[in-house]
Amino acid sequence: MSIIKPNNNTISAITALPAAIPTGAMTLLRTQTASDVSGVEFSTNLTSTYKIYYFKFINIHGANEQELVVDFSTDGGSTYDQLHQTTFFRAAHNEDGSDGNLAYVTSRDMANSGSRPFLSTPIGTANEQSCSGEMWLYDPSNTTFLTHFMSRTSAPTTDGSAAGSYIQDCFCNGYVHNTAAITALKFEMDSGNIQSGTFKLYGVS
């Protein structure tokens, strides 16, 4: 078997990888813009076409200072009643620089719970405040293994003190406690509507 190698003689001179090396590709499947809605649902794109689905959420602004959450369905969105197992931690730093910390947040993890998984801490509602982030969903059509997901979000949270707002870098990992295929999911605020924001879904090959 021959060895595939770049045609250039040195690493610094490499301008492209050989065609036989797979680099992966993301295909934009859907974009949704929220405008004072209770939730944003993706109920037609989660199929066996891709093993990995990637979501972006950009400048999500809520009516109330609440968390961004997600919920999963095995029947195309008719019901959202799955159990979830998650872990949640975050790093935080406030505006006046007097406090910075990294912590596991037990109040936002799930232990085989029917509650919706938290993807963020409470998002500030000032006009300039919003939440942005990403979520990966792995092989949702597989019916042998549990369906895993992981997310990361960035959002300001107002603590009501002289220190002002905190920036919170939040990480959530978990799985849907069901081997049935996940065929739909929905992004919501823990309470109140999503006033504005953009959600994008990509298939990763």
Protein backbone atom coordinates (compact mmCIF):
# COMPACT_ATOMS: atom_id res chain seq x y z
CA MET A 1 0.00 0.00 0.00
CA SER A 2 1.47 3.34 -1.00
CA ILE A 3 1.77 6.21 1.45
CA ILE A 4 -0.27 9.32 0.64
CA LYS A 5 1.79 12.44 1.24
CA PRO A 6 1.64 16.12 0.29
CA ASN A 7 3.54 17.07 -2.85
CA ASN A 8 5.42 19.83 -1.03
CA ASN A 9 8.84 19.13 0.47
CA THR A 10 8.41 20.88 3.82
CA ILE A 11 5.55 21.39 6.28
CA SER A 12 5.82 25.16 5.96
CA ALA A 13 5.34 24.88 2.20
CA ILE A 14 2.13 22.79 2.37
CA THR A 15 -0.79 24.72 0.92
CA ALA A 16 -3.37 21.92 0.62
CA LEU A 17 -4.00 18.38 1.83
CA PRO A 18 -4.12 15.48 -0.61
CA ALA A 19 -7.63 14.79 -1.90
CA ALA A 20 -7.69 11.33 -0.28
CA ILE A 21 -7.55 12.80 3.25
CA PRO A 22 -11.10 13.48 4.54
CA THR A 23 -11.45 16.88 6.21
CA GLY A 24 -15.20 16.85 6.97
CA ALA A 25 -17.77 19.36 5.88
CA MET A 26 -20.72 21.19 7.40
CA THR A 27 -23.90 21.63 5.38
CA LEU A 28 -26.32 24.33 6.49
CA LEU A 29 -29.72 22.64 6.73
CA ARG A 30 -31.90 25.32 8.25
CA THR A 31 -31.87 28.84 9.72
CA GLN A 32 -34.62 30.12 12.01
CA THR A 33 -35.02 33.66 13.33
CA ALA A 34 -36.96 33.97 16.58
CA SER A 35 -39.28 36.91 17.18
CA ASP A 36 -41.19 36.77 20.48
CA VAL A 37 -41.86 33.02 20.31
CA SER A 38 -42.16 30.38 23.03
CA GLY A 39 -39.64 28.10 21.33
CA VAL A 40 -37.68 27.28 18.18
CA GLU A 41 -38.22 23.74 16.93
CA PHE A 42 -36.25 21.55 14.52
CA SER A 43 -38.61 18.70 13.66
CA THR A 44 -37.82 17.70 10.06
CA ASN A 45 -34.03 17.70 9.69
CA LEU A 46 -32.86 15.10 12.21
CA THR A 47 -32.52 11.98 10.07
CA SER A 48 -29.98 9.23 9.41
CA THR A 49 -28.35 11.40 6.72
CA TYR A 50 -25.73 12.69 9.16
CA LYS A 51 -24.05 11.15 12.21
CA ILE A 52 -23.44 14.58 13.75
CA TYR A 53 -25.69 17.64 13.88
CA TYR A 54 -24.33 21.05 14.90
CA PHE A 55 -26.46 23.94 16.15
CA LYS A 56 -25.45 27.59 16.45
CA PHE A 57 -27.49 30.10 18.46
CA ILE A 58 -26.64 33.75 17.95
CA ASN A 59 -27.70 36.73 20.11
CA ILE A 60 -30.56 34.97 21.90
CA HIS A 61 -32.47 37.57 23.90
CA GLY A 62 -35.24 36.57 26.32
CA ALA A 63 -38.27 38.36 27.67
CA ASN A 64 -37.18 37.42 31.21
CA GLU A 65 -33.79 36.80 32.82
CA GLN A 66 -33.95 33.06 32.30
CA GLU A 67 -31.80 30.19 31.04
CA LEU A 68 -31.72 28.81 27.51
CA VAL A 69 -32.91 25.19 27.63
CA VAL A 70 -33.38 22.34 25.14
CA ASP A 71 -35.84 19.45 24.91
CA PHE A 72 -35.89 16.29 22.78
CA SER A 73 -38.60 14.24 21.05
CA THR A 74 -38.80 10.71 19.62
CA ASP A 75 -42.05 11.30 17.70
CA GLY A 76 -41.26 14.24 15.45
CA GLY A 77 -42.16 16.87 18.02
CA SER A 78 -45.63 15.65 19.01
CA THR A 79 -44.39 15.17 22.58
CA TYR A 80 -41.31 16.28 24.49
CA ASP A 81 -41.18 13.91 27.44
CA GLN A 82 -37.68 12.41 27.48
CA LEU A 83 -35.47 11.84 30.52
CA HIS A 84 -32.03 13.46 30.56
CA GLN A 85 -28.71 12.95 32.31
CA THR A 86 -26.39 15.98 32.25
CA THR A 87 -23.42 17.68 33.87
CA PHE A 88 -23.01 21.46 34.03
CA PHE A 89 -20.13 23.76 34.93
CA ARG A 90 -19.25 27.37 34.20
CA ALA A 91 -16.56 30.02 34.47
CA ALA A 92 -17.57 33.55 35.46
CA HIS A 93 -15.96 37.00 35.70
CA ASN A 94 -17.67 40.26 36.65
CA GLU A 95 -17.36 43.67 35.05
CA ASP A 96 -15.40 45.41 37.82
CA GLY A 97 -12.85 42.58 37.99
CA SER A 98 -13.43 41.89 41.68
CA ASP A 99 -14.56 38.29 41.20
CA GLY A 100 -13.73 35.44 38.86
CA ASN A 101 -14.47 31.79 39.48
CA LEU A 102 -14.95 28.33 38.03
CA ALA A 103 -17.64 26.08 39.51
CA TYR A 104 -19.69 22.94 39.02
CA VAL A 105 -23.36 23.99 39.19
CA THR A 106 -25.47 21.25 40.79
CA SER A 107 -28.68 23.30 40.43
CA ARG A 108 -28.41 23.02 36.63
CA ASP A 109 -27.45 19.38 36.17
CA MET A 110 -29.93 16.55 35.55
CA ALA A 111 -30.10 13.10 37.15
CA ASN A 112 -32.38 11.03 34.92
CA SER A 113 -34.75 13.98 34.96
CA GLY A 114 -37.75 14.88 32.83
CA SER A 115 -36.85 18.56 33.14
CA ARG A 116 -35.33 20.38 30.16
CA PRO A 117 -31.51 20.52 30.19
CA PHE A 118 -30.02 23.96 30.89
CA LEU A 119 -27.61 25.28 28.28
CA SER A 120 -26.86 28.59 30.03
CA THR A 121 -27.13 30.48 33.28
CA PRO A 122 -29.79 33.28 33.42
CA ILE A 123 -29.33 35.65 30.48
CA GLY A 124 -29.44 39.38 31.17
CA THR A 125 -32.37 41.25 29.62
CA ALA A 126 -30.77 44.69 29.11
CA ASN A 127 -31.05 45.83 25.49
CA GLU A 128 -27.40 45.02 24.75
CA GLN A 129 -27.38 41.60 26.45
CA SER A 130 -27.85 38.21 24.76
CA CYS A 131 -26.60 34.62 24.69
CA SER A 132 -24.61 32.97 21.91
CA GLY A 133 -23.27 29.46 21.67
CA GLU A 134 -23.29 26.03 20.07
CA MET A 135 -24.55 22.50 20.60
CA TRP A 136 -23.46 19.17 19.10
CA LEU A 137 -25.90 16.25 18.76
CA TYR A 138 -24.43 12.81 18.03
CA ASP A 139 -26.03 10.13 15.84
CA PRO A 140 -29.66 10.85 16.83
CA SER A 141 -31.04 8.14 14.50
CA ASN A 142 -29.06 5.36 16.17
CA THR A 143 -31.30 3.01 18.17
CA THR A 144 -28.55 0.97 19.87
CA PHE A 145 -26.95 3.65 22.04
CA LEU A 146 -28.15 6.61 24.08
CA THR A 147 -28.06 9.93 22.20
CA HIS A 148 -25.33 12.25 23.45
CA PHE A 149 -25.11 16.03 23.19
CA MET A 150 -22.83 18.79 24.43
CA SER A 151 -23.05 22.56 24.41
CA ARG A 152 -21.15 25.73 25.24
CA THR A 153 -22.70 29.17 25.71
CA SER A 154 -21.58 32.71 26.47
CA ALA A 155 -24.00 35.03 28.25
CA PRO A 156 -24.02 38.03 30.61
CA THR A 157 -25.85 37.70 33.92
CA THR A 158 -26.71 40.67 36.15
CA ASP A 159 -26.19 39.99 39.85
CA GLY A 160 -27.83 43.21 41.09
CA SER A 161 -24.75 44.43 42.99
CA ALA A 162 -22.20 47.15 42.41
CA ALA A 163 -20.08 44.58 40.60
CA GLY A 164 -22.53 44.72 37.69
CA SER A 165 -22.84 41.93 35.13
CA TYR A 166 -20.90 38.68 34.95
CA ILE A 167 -19.88 37.01 31.73
CA GLN A 168 -20.63 33.31 32.09
CA ASP A 169 -18.95 30.62 30.00
CA CYS A 170 -21.19 27.56 30.42
CA PHE A 171 -20.63 23.91 29.48
CA CYS A 172 -23.32 21.23 29.43
CA ASN A 173 -22.80 17.58 28.43
CA GLY A 174 -25.35 14.80 28.63
CA TYR A 175 -27.50 12.19 26.99
CA VAL A 176 -31.15 11.46 26.34
CA HIS A 177 -32.00 8.41 28.47
CA ASN A 178 -33.69 6.53 25.64
CA THR A 179 -32.30 4.44 22.77
CA ALA A 180 -35.16 5.47 20.46
CA ALA A 181 -34.21 7.74 17.57
CA ILE A 182 -34.33 11.46 18.38
CA THR A 183 -36.38 13.03 15.60
CA ALA A 184 -36.96 16.57 16.87
CA LEU A 185 -35.70 19.07 19.41
CA LYS A 186 -36.76 22.47 20.67
CA PHE A 187 -34.88 25.43 22.13
CA GLU A 188 -36.76 27.53 24.70
CA MET A 189 -36.24 29.86 27.64
CA ASP A 190 -36.84 28.29 31.04
CA SER A 191 -39.66 30.81 31.43
CA GLY A 192 -41.11 33.35 29.00
CA ASN A 193 -40.55 33.87 25.29
CA ILE A 194 -37.47 34.18 23.12
CA GLN A 195 -37.76 37.80 22.00
CA SER A 196 -35.08 37.60 19.30
CA GLY A 197 -32.18 35.55 18.05
CA THR A 198 -30.97 33.29 15.24
CA PHE A 199 -30.69 29.49 15.30
CA LYS A 200 -28.78 27.54 12.67
CA LEU A 201 -28.59 23.78 12.08
CA TYR A 202 -25.77 22.05 10.17
CA GLY A 203 -25.22 18.45 9.16
CA VAL A 204 -21.61 17.32 9.62
CA SER A 205 -20.19 14.73 7.22
